[in-house]
Amino acid sequence: MNSKNLTNISLLSGRAMLAVVFIMAGISKLGAGYAGTQAYMESAGLPGLLLPAVITLEILGGIAILVGFQTRVVALMLAGFTLMASLLFHSDFSQQMQMILFMKNIGLIGGFMVLAAQGPGDWAFNPRLKLQEV
């Protein structure tokens, strides 16, 4: 296997693994999960009215990462979103589970930063349409 194929396989599989986390998180907030998530946000001092924007960012951002559409911009957006969520909801390090969730999110942010720097690779939506990554 040549290095270009290895790079493209790695970028595609990495994009898929990052994307599934956000797509599934967004979907889980729909239906029965909506009220609980909204209450959790409000308990942290955030307006529950932000929840539709969160769901939209998670699902559409995840899909964009998966297919490689505007990957650099979306990766930076999701990295910033994940950092904010980590600081707001998972920074109570006296609780081991919150520390674990915070560290998991740091790993996700790292993956998004690599995508922002590297781009989506050749096996993505933008190169197929000859779109320029921002």
C-alpha atoms as a PDB file:
ATOM      1  CA  MET A   1       0.000   0.000   0.000  1.00  0.00           C
ATOM      2  CA  ASN A   2       1.439   3.365  -0.938  1.00  0.00           C
ATOM      3  CA  SER A   3       1.601   6.272   1.504  1.00  0.00           C
ATOM      4  CA  LYS A   4      -1.092   8.284  -0.328  1.00  0.00           C
ATOM      5  CA  ASN A   5      -3.619   5.442   0.038  1.00  0.00           C
ATOM      6  CA  LEU A   6      -2.646   4.953   3.681  1.00  0.00           C
ATOM      7  CA  THR A   7      -3.155   8.686   4.293  1.00  0.00           C
ATOM      8  CA  ASN A   8      -6.555   8.649   2.598  1.00  0.00           C
ATOM      9  CA  ILE A   9      -7.693   5.513   4.441  1.00  0.00           C
ATOM     10  CA  SER A  10      -6.538   7.014   7.741  1.00  0.00           C
ATOM     11  CA  LEU A  11      -8.257  10.343   7.110  1.00  0.00           C
ATOM     12  CA  LEU A  12     -11.509   8.713   5.985  1.00  0.00           C
ATOM     13  CA  SER A  13     -11.632   6.300   8.922  1.00  0.00           C
ATOM     14  CA  GLY A  14     -10.670   9.055  11.372  1.00  0.00           C
ATOM     15  CA  ARG A  15     -13.370  11.334   9.971  1.00  0.00           C
ATOM     16  CA  ALA A  16     -15.919   8.521  10.281  1.00  0.00           C
ATOM     17  CA  MET A  17     -14.968   7.774  13.888  1.00  0.00           C
ATOM     18  CA  LEU A  18     -15.135  11.431  14.913  1.00  0.00           C
ATOM     19  CA  ALA A  19     -18.370  11.976  13.001  1.00  0.00           C
ATOM     20  CA  VAL A  20     -20.268   9.073  14.534  1.00  0.00           C
ATOM     21  CA  VAL A  21     -19.747  10.502  18.035  1.00  0.00           C
ATOM     22  CA  PHE A  22     -21.427  13.772  17.072  1.00  0.00           C
ATOM     23  CA  ILE A  23     -24.140  12.384  14.822  1.00  0.00           C
ATOM     24  CA  MET A  24     -25.233   9.905  17.485  1.00  0.00           C
ATOM     25  CA  ALA A  25     -25.037  12.555  20.229  1.00  0.00           C
ATOM     26  CA  GLY A  26     -27.287  14.852  18.209  1.00  0.00           C
ATOM     27  CA  ILE A  27     -29.765  12.089  17.418  1.00  0.00           C
ATOM     28  CA  SER A  28     -29.877  11.004  21.078  1.00  0.00           C
ATOM     29  CA  LYS A  29     -31.068  14.484  22.042  1.00  0.00           C
ATOM     30  CA  LEU A  30     -34.140  14.197  19.820  1.00  0.00           C
ATOM     31  CA  GLY A  31     -37.398  12.729  21.087  1.00  0.00           C
ATOM     32  CA  ALA A  32     -37.250  11.362  24.618  1.00  0.00           C
ATOM     33  CA  GLY A  33     -33.750  12.749  25.232  1.00  0.00           C
ATOM     34  CA  TYR A  34     -34.715  16.349  24.489  1.00  0.00           C
ATOM     35  CA  ALA A  35     -36.282  17.322  27.824  1.00  0.00           C
ATOM     36  CA  GLY A  36     -33.509  15.745  29.885  1.00  0.00           C
ATOM     37  CA  THR A  37     -30.786  17.444  27.871  1.00  0.00           C
ATOM     38  CA  GLN A  38     -32.595  20.773  28.058  1.00  0.00           C
ATOM     39  CA  ALA A  39     -32.911  20.462  31.846  1.00  0.00           C
ATOM     40  CA  TYR A  40     -29.210  19.534  32.120  1.00  0.00           C
ATOM     41  CA  MET A  41     -28.237  22.608  30.094  1.00  0.00           C
ATOM     42  CA  GLU A  42     -30.426  24.842  32.241  1.00  0.00           C
ATOM     43  CA  SER A  43     -28.930  23.368  35.435  1.00  0.00           C
ATOM     44  CA  ALA A  44     -25.550  24.577  34.147  1.00  0.00           C
ATOM     45  CA  GLY A  45     -26.956  28.080  33.629  1.00  0.00           C
ATOM     46  CA  LEU A  46     -27.404  27.871  29.860  1.00  0.00           C
ATOM     47  CA  PRO A  47     -30.714  28.687  28.184  1.00  0.00           C
ATOM     48  CA  GLY A  48     -32.522  25.584  27.003  1.00  0.00           C
ATOM     49  CA  LEU A  49     -33.404  27.492  23.845  1.00  0.00           C
ATOM     50  CA  LEU A  50     -29.861  26.757  22.632  1.00  0.00           C
ATOM     51  CA  LEU A  51     -30.584  23.036  22.378  1.00  0.00           C
ATOM     52  CA  PRO A  52     -31.878  23.075  18.763  1.00  0.00           C
ATOM     53  CA  ALA A  53     -28.653  24.826  17.696  1.00  0.00           C
ATOM     54  CA  VAL A  54     -26.600  22.217  19.573  1.00  0.00           C
ATOM     55  CA  ILE A  55     -28.493  19.350  17.923  1.00  0.00           C
ATOM     56  CA  THR A  56     -28.113  20.957  14.496  1.00  0.00           C
ATOM     57  CA  LEU A  57     -24.377  21.513  14.959  1.00  0.00           C
ATOM     58  CA  GLU A  58     -23.818  17.963  16.158  1.00  0.00           C
ATOM     59  CA  ILE A  59     -25.785  16.260  13.390  1.00  0.00           C
ATOM     60  CA  LEU A  60     -24.923  18.498  10.438  1.00  0.00           C
ATOM     61  CA  GLY A  61     -21.342  19.045  11.625  1.00  0.00           C
ATOM     62  CA  GLY A  62     -20.903  15.302  12.039  1.00  0.00           C
ATOM     63  CA  ILE A  63     -22.279  14.642   8.566  1.00  0.00           C
ATOM     64  CA  ALA A  64     -20.002  17.328   7.082  1.00  0.00           C
ATOM     65  CA  ILE A  65     -16.958  15.723   8.736  1.00  0.00           C
ATOM     66  CA  LEU A  66     -18.054  12.264   7.590  1.00  0.00           C
ATOM     67  CA  VAL A  67     -18.386  13.230   3.932  1.00  0.00           C
ATOM     68  CA  GLY A  68     -15.485  15.675   3.957  1.00  0.00           C
ATOM     69  CA  PHE A  69     -17.408  18.865   3.254  1.00  0.00           C
ATOM     70  CA  GLN A  70     -15.624  22.059   4.399  1.00  0.00           C
ATOM     71  CA  THR A  71     -13.716  19.818   6.800  1.00  0.00           C
ATOM     72  CA  ARG A  72     -11.240  22.389   8.089  1.00  0.00           C
ATOM     73  CA  VAL A  73     -13.898  24.947   9.059  1.00  0.00           C
ATOM     74  CA  VAL A  74     -16.281  22.375  10.523  1.00  0.00           C
ATOM     75  CA  ALA A  75     -13.449  20.676  12.436  1.00  0.00           C
ATOM     76  CA  LEU A  76     -12.533  23.999  14.057  1.00  0.00           C
ATOM     77  CA  MET A  77     -16.193  24.670  14.894  1.00  0.00           C
ATOM     78  CA  LEU A  78     -16.631  21.247  16.494  1.00  0.00           C
ATOM     79  CA  ALA A  79     -13.317  21.578  18.348  1.00  0.00           C
ATOM     80  CA  GLY A  80     -14.476  24.904  19.822  1.00  0.00           C
ATOM     81  CA  PHE A  81     -17.906  23.490  20.652  1.00  0.00           C
ATOM     82  CA  THR A  82     -16.335  20.461  22.338  1.00  0.00           C
ATOM     83  CA  LEU A  83     -13.954  22.639  24.346  1.00  0.00           C
ATOM     84  CA  MET A  84     -16.823  24.828  25.571  1.00  0.00           C
ATOM     85  CA  ALA A  85     -18.944  21.784  26.440  1.00  0.00           C
ATOM     86  CA  SER A  86     -16.005  20.252  28.307  1.00  0.00           C
ATOM     87  CA  LEU A  87     -15.416  23.370  30.366  1.00  0.00           C
ATOM     88  CA  LEU A  88     -19.127  23.876  31.103  1.00  0.00           C
ATOM     89  CA  PHE A  89     -20.197  20.306  31.813  1.00  0.00           C
ATOM     90  CA  HIS A  90     -17.150  18.154  32.567  1.00  0.00           C
ATOM     91  CA  SER A  91     -14.745  20.284  34.588  1.00  0.00           C
ATOM     92  CA  ASP A  92     -15.615  18.980  38.051  1.00  0.00           C
ATOM     93  CA  PHE A  93     -12.430  16.957  38.418  1.00  0.00           C
ATOM     94  CA  SER A  94     -13.403  15.776  41.901  1.00  0.00           C
ATOM     95  CA  GLN A  95     -15.712  13.322  40.085  1.00  0.00           C
ATOM     96  CA  GLN A  96     -13.785  10.628  38.251  1.00  0.00           C
ATOM     97  CA  MET A  97     -16.431  10.250  35.516  1.00  0.00           C
ATOM     98  CA  GLN A  98     -16.284  13.980  34.738  1.00  0.00           C
ATOM     99  CA  MET A  99     -12.489  13.779  34.486  1.00  0.00           C
ATOM    100  CA  ILE A 100     -12.812  10.820  32.093  1.00  0.00           C
ATOM    101  CA  LEU A 101     -15.358  12.681  29.936  1.00  0.00           C
ATOM    102  CA  PHE A 102     -13.166  15.793  29.937  1.00  0.00           C
ATOM    103  CA  MET A 103     -10.119  13.809  28.813  1.00  0.00           C
ATOM    104  CA  LYS A 104     -12.158  12.002  26.133  1.00  0.00           C
ATOM    105  CA  ASN A 105     -13.211  15.388  24.812  1.00  0.00           C
ATOM    106  CA  ILE A 106      -9.600  16.583  24.781  1.00  0.00           C
ATOM    107  CA  GLY A 107      -8.858  13.614  22.502  1.00  0.00           C
ATOM    108  CA  LEU A 108     -11.760  14.560  20.220  1.00  0.00           C
ATOM    109  CA  ILE A 109     -10.489  18.138  20.075  1.00  0.00           C
ATOM    110  CA  GLY A 110      -7.050  16.808  19.130  1.00  0.00           C
ATOM    111  CA  GLY A 111      -8.560  14.785  16.299  1.00  0.00           C
ATOM    112  CA  PHE A 112     -10.418  17.840  15.028  1.00  0.00           C
ATOM    113  CA  MET A 113      -7.257  19.947  15.180  1.00  0.00           C
ATOM    114  CA  VAL A 114      -5.416  17.354  13.076  1.00  0.00           C
ATOM    115  CA  LEU A 115      -8.278  17.432  10.541  1.00  0.00           C
ATOM    116  CA  ALA A 116      -8.207  21.230  10.523  1.00  0.00           C
ATOM    117  CA  ALA A 117      -4.497  21.159   9.734  1.00  0.00           C
ATOM    118  CA  GLN A 118      -4.500  18.206   7.315  1.00  0.00           C
ATOM    119  CA  GLY A 119      -7.857  18.588   5.582  1.00  0.00           C
ATOM    120  CA  PRO A 120     -10.142  15.732   4.589  1.00  0.00           C
ATOM    121  CA  GLY A 121      -7.844  13.939   2.139  1.00  0.00           C
ATOM    122  CA  ASP A 122      -8.686  12.921  -1.403  1.00  0.00           C
ATOM    123  CA  TRP A 123     -11.619  10.693  -0.458  1.00  0.00           C
ATOM    124  CA  ALA A 124     -13.975  13.509   0.445  1.00  0.00           C
ATOM    125  CA  PHE A 125     -16.823  15.557  -0.967  1.00  0.00           C
ATOM    126  CA  ASN A 126     -14.863  18.762  -1.637  1.00  0.00           C
ATOM    127  CA  PRO A 127     -12.150  17.269  -3.888  1.00  0.00           C
ATOM    128  CA  ARG A 128     -14.797  15.428  -5.911  1.00  0.00           C
ATOM    129  CA  LEU A 129     -16.621  18.697  -6.682  1.00  0.00           C
ATOM    130  CA  LYS A 130     -13.353  20.620  -7.062  1.00  0.00           C
ATOM    131  CA  LEU A 131     -14.355  22.786  -4.098  1.00  0.00           C
ATOM    132  CA  GLN A 132     -11.574  24.554  -2.267  1.00  0.00           C
ATOM    133  CA  GLU A 133     -11.220  23.928   1.463  1.00  0.00           C
ATOM    134  CA  VAL A 134     -11.214  27.197   3.402  1.00  0.00           C
END
